[in-house]
Amino acid sequence: MRARVRLIMSLPVTALWLLFAVANFATWRKTHVPLGLGAIALELVIAALFVVRRAPLTTSRAPLAWSAAAVGTFGMLGARPHYTPVGGLEPLYAALQLVGAGLAVWAVAALGRSFGLVAANRGIRTHGPYRVVRHPLYAGYLLTESGYVLENPSLRNVLLVVLVMAVQGVRVVVEERWLLGDPAYRTYAATVRRRIVPGLL
């Protein structure tokens, strides 16, 4: 029964990813440029992990946590290609996306099936990129989504990325409040001081 519910819940996410990917692939055919390659790869990884994630030890039931998780994780699937790279620096924006996607994949690989969307305790992870910042997955989102919007600047995409990044900030705060109830996480937070950007944030 639980597997069936998880499958049903994954169908809308799959549909959103397919619409996003198809829109970008269609533009590839016109421009001969692999638009949004990093963003497509990142969203595919996140969508796949959404399906196979492990049940948490504890999880937040706050509506804010759930709504922020949905918008922050899948909001950029509403973006659409609009190939007019700012300053003509398309290779830089493509690189930003790929570096961000690579960082995000590294982060979720370190989490394994402990990956989750809503603020929850699935066990504290302190290896890999988590030795540098406490939320490397969000750093990956930041790079990838910024690269995509700079490559495809439109009012829709800019408004969407501003919304998604604001919501990601909310997610970080909500997750920190939840996890700091665990003594192990408090010890970890005292050691790894920065949340997203080494030396800054």
Protein backbone atom coordinates (compact mmCIF):
# COMPACT_ATOMS: atom_id res chain seq x y z
CA MET A 1 0.00 0.00 0.00
CA ARG A 2 2.81 2.41 0.93
CA ALA A 3 4.58 1.73 -2.40
CA ARG A 4 1.34 2.46 -4.27
CA VAL A 5 0.87 5.77 -2.44
CA ARG A 6 4.48 6.74 -3.17
CA LEU A 7 3.99 5.90 -6.85
CA ILE A 8 0.83 8.02 -7.05
CA MET A 9 2.62 10.92 -5.35
CA SER A 10 5.51 10.67 -7.80
CA LEU A 11 3.33 10.95 -10.93
CA PRO A 12 2.82 14.76 -10.79
CA VAL A 13 6.57 15.26 -10.22
CA THR A 14 7.36 13.03 -13.18
CA ALA A 15 4.91 14.94 -15.37
CA LEU A 16 6.41 18.30 -14.37
CA TRP A 17 9.93 17.06 -15.14
CA LEU A 18 8.86 15.72 -18.52
CA LEU A 19 7.23 19.03 -19.49
CA PHE A 20 10.38 20.92 -18.44
CA ALA A 21 12.69 18.54 -20.31
CA VAL A 22 10.56 18.46 -23.47
CA ALA A 23 10.41 22.28 -23.60
CA ASN A 24 14.20 22.48 -23.36
CA PHE A 25 14.82 19.66 -25.83
CA ALA A 26 12.53 21.36 -28.35
CA THR A 27 14.61 24.53 -28.08
CA TRP A 28 17.81 22.49 -28.51
CA ARG A 29 16.57 21.53 -31.96
CA LYS A 30 16.14 25.19 -32.92
CA THR A 31 19.30 26.63 -31.38
CA HIS A 32 21.59 23.56 -31.52
CA VAL A 33 22.62 24.51 -27.98
CA PRO A 34 22.02 22.08 -25.06
CA LEU A 35 19.95 24.53 -23.01
CA GLY A 36 19.39 23.76 -19.34
CA LEU A 37 21.49 20.59 -19.43
CA GLY A 38 22.59 20.97 -15.82
CA ALA A 39 19.11 21.95 -14.65
CA ILE A 40 17.51 18.98 -16.43
CA ALA A 41 20.05 16.57 -14.91
CA LEU A 42 19.65 18.01 -11.40
CA GLU A 43 15.86 17.90 -11.47
CA LEU A 44 15.94 14.31 -12.77
CA VAL A 45 18.17 13.22 -9.87
CA ILE A 46 15.94 14.96 -7.32
CA ALA A 47 12.76 13.51 -8.84
CA ALA A 48 14.27 10.00 -8.76
CA LEU A 49 15.38 10.34 -5.15
CA PHE A 50 11.93 11.60 -4.23
CA VAL A 51 10.61 8.17 -5.21
CA VAL A 52 13.21 6.03 -3.35
CA ARG A 53 13.79 8.17 -0.23
CA ARG A 54 13.90 6.51 3.19
CA ALA A 55 11.22 7.05 5.82
CA PRO A 56 12.47 9.61 8.39
CA LEU A 57 13.07 9.07 12.09
CA THR A 58 11.09 12.24 12.75
CA THR A 59 9.53 14.75 10.37
CA SER A 60 7.97 18.17 10.60
CA ARG A 61 4.21 18.40 10.08
CA ALA A 62 4.21 22.20 9.78
CA PRO A 63 2.38 23.44 6.66
CA LEU A 64 5.19 25.95 6.07
CA ALA A 65 7.75 23.15 5.92
CA TRP A 66 5.70 21.14 3.42
CA SER A 67 4.81 24.06 1.14
CA ALA A 68 8.39 25.37 1.18
CA ALA A 69 9.68 21.90 0.31
CA ALA A 70 7.34 21.58 -2.67
CA VAL A 71 8.07 25.03 -4.12
CA GLY A 72 11.79 24.95 -3.35
CA THR A 73 12.35 21.49 -4.81
CA PHE A 74 10.15 21.54 -7.88
CA GLY A 75 9.40 25.23 -8.52
CA MET A 76 12.02 25.64 -11.23
CA LEU A 77 10.30 22.96 -13.29
CA GLY A 78 7.95 25.79 -14.21
CA ALA A 79 10.81 27.65 -15.97
CA ARG A 80 10.95 27.61 -19.75
CA PRO A 81 13.78 28.18 -22.26
CA HIS A 82 14.25 31.71 -23.58
CA TYR A 83 17.68 31.57 -25.13
CA THR A 84 19.20 35.05 -24.91
CA PRO A 85 22.22 34.55 -22.62
CA VAL A 86 23.11 37.69 -20.66
CA GLY A 87 26.23 39.29 -22.16
CA GLY A 88 26.57 36.39 -24.59
CA LEU A 89 28.30 34.35 -21.87
CA GLU A 90 26.46 31.10 -22.58
CA PRO A 91 29.50 28.83 -21.88
CA LEU A 92 29.81 30.37 -18.40
CA TYR A 93 26.12 29.82 -17.63
CA ALA A 94 26.26 26.25 -18.92
CA ALA A 95 29.29 25.65 -16.71
CA LEU A 96 27.47 27.11 -13.68
CA GLN A 97 24.62 24.68 -14.25
CA LEU A 98 26.89 21.68 -14.60
CA VAL A 99 29.01 22.59 -11.56
CA GLY A 100 25.85 23.18 -9.52
CA ALA A 101 24.33 19.90 -10.68
CA GLY A 102 27.57 18.08 -9.89
CA LEU A 103 27.67 19.57 -6.39
CA ALA A 104 24.03 18.65 -5.82
CA VAL A 105 24.61 15.06 -7.00
CA TRP A 106 27.65 14.82 -4.70
CA ALA A 107 25.49 16.08 -1.83
CA VAL A 108 22.65 13.64 -2.44
CA ALA A 109 25.15 10.79 -2.96
CA ALA A 110 26.50 11.57 0.51
CA LEU A 111 22.92 11.46 1.83
CA GLY A 112 21.98 8.30 -0.06
CA ARG A 113 18.44 7.23 0.78
CA SER A 114 18.49 9.66 3.69
CA PHE A 115 17.58 12.36 1.17
CA GLY A 116 14.26 14.03 1.92
CA LEU A 117 12.20 17.05 0.96
CA VAL A 118 10.53 18.13 4.18
CA ALA A 119 12.42 19.06 7.35
CA ALA A 120 13.12 15.68 8.95
CA ASN A 121 15.76 13.71 10.81
CA ARG A 122 16.92 10.76 8.72
CA GLY A 123 20.23 10.59 10.52
CA ILE A 124 23.01 13.19 10.56
CA ARG A 125 25.46 13.14 7.65
CA THR A 126 28.84 14.83 8.11
CA HIS A 127 31.01 13.47 5.26
CA GLY A 128 31.66 14.58 1.70
CA PRO A 129 30.50 18.16 0.98
CA TYR A 130 28.85 18.24 4.41
CA ARG A 131 32.32 18.73 5.85
CA VAL A 132 32.39 22.17 4.20
CA VAL A 133 28.82 23.51 4.50
CA ARG A 134 25.72 22.17 6.24
CA HIS A 135 23.44 22.45 3.18
CA PRO A 136 25.53 21.76 0.05
CA LEU A 137 22.44 20.62 -1.87
CA TYR A 138 21.03 24.15 -1.67
CA ALA A 139 24.36 25.53 -2.86
CA GLY A 140 23.99 23.25 -5.89
CA TYR A 141 20.47 24.55 -6.49
CA LEU A 142 21.74 28.13 -6.27
CA LEU A 143 24.42 27.62 -8.91
CA THR A 144 22.28 25.56 -11.28
CA GLU A 145 19.20 27.76 -11.17
CA SER A 146 21.20 30.98 -11.46
CA GLY A 147 23.00 29.58 -14.51
CA TYR A 148 19.71 28.57 -16.12
CA VAL A 149 18.09 31.98 -15.66
CA LEU A 150 21.18 33.85 -16.88
CA GLU A 151 21.14 31.60 -19.95
CA ASN A 152 17.36 31.98 -20.37
CA PRO A 153 16.42 35.40 -18.99
CA SER A 154 12.70 36.12 -19.14
CA LEU A 155 10.30 37.77 -16.72
CA ARG A 156 8.77 34.38 -15.95
CA ASN A 157 12.11 32.74 -15.20
CA VAL A 158 13.46 35.65 -13.15
CA LEU A 159 10.32 35.85 -10.99
CA LEU A 160 10.37 32.09 -10.56
CA VAL A 161 14.01 31.90 -9.48
CA VAL A 162 13.54 34.78 -7.02
CA LEU A 163 10.57 32.94 -5.51
CA VAL A 164 12.37 29.60 -5.39
CA MET A 165 15.52 31.04 -3.82
CA ALA A 166 13.48 32.90 -1.20
CA VAL A 167 11.68 29.67 -0.39
CA GLN A 168 15.00 27.80 -0.19
CA GLY A 169 16.07 30.31 2.45
CA VAL A 170 12.90 29.48 4.39
CA ARG A 171 13.64 25.77 4.03
CA VAL A 172 17.12 26.19 5.48
CA VAL A 173 15.75 28.02 8.52
CA VAL A 174 12.96 25.47 9.05
CA GLU A 175 15.34 22.52 8.69
CA GLU A 176 17.88 24.04 11.06
CA ARG A 177 15.24 24.62 13.72
CA TRP A 178 14.08 21.03 13.39
CA LEU A 179 17.51 19.41 13.34
CA LEU A 180 18.93 21.48 16.19
CA GLY A 181 16.69 19.44 18.47
CA ASP A 182 19.20 16.62 17.93
CA PRO A 183 22.37 16.93 20.09
CA ALA A 184 24.41 15.31 17.29
CA TYR A 185 23.35 18.03 14.87
CA ARG A 186 24.15 20.77 17.39
CA THR A 187 27.67 19.36 17.68
CA TYR A 188 27.95 19.21 13.89
CA ALA A 189 26.66 22.80 13.49
CA ALA A 190 29.23 24.02 15.97
CA THR A 191 31.97 22.42 13.85
CA VAL A 192 30.70 23.33 10.36
CA ARG A 193 29.77 26.99 10.79
CA ARG A 194 28.52 27.90 7.31
CA ARG A 195 25.18 26.80 5.93
CA ILE A 196 25.51 27.28 2.14
CA VAL A 197 28.57 29.30 1.02
CA PRO A 198 32.00 28.60 2.60
CA GLY A 199 33.29 31.64 4.45
CA LEU A 200 30.17 33.71 3.78
CA LEU A 201 26.76 32.24 4.56
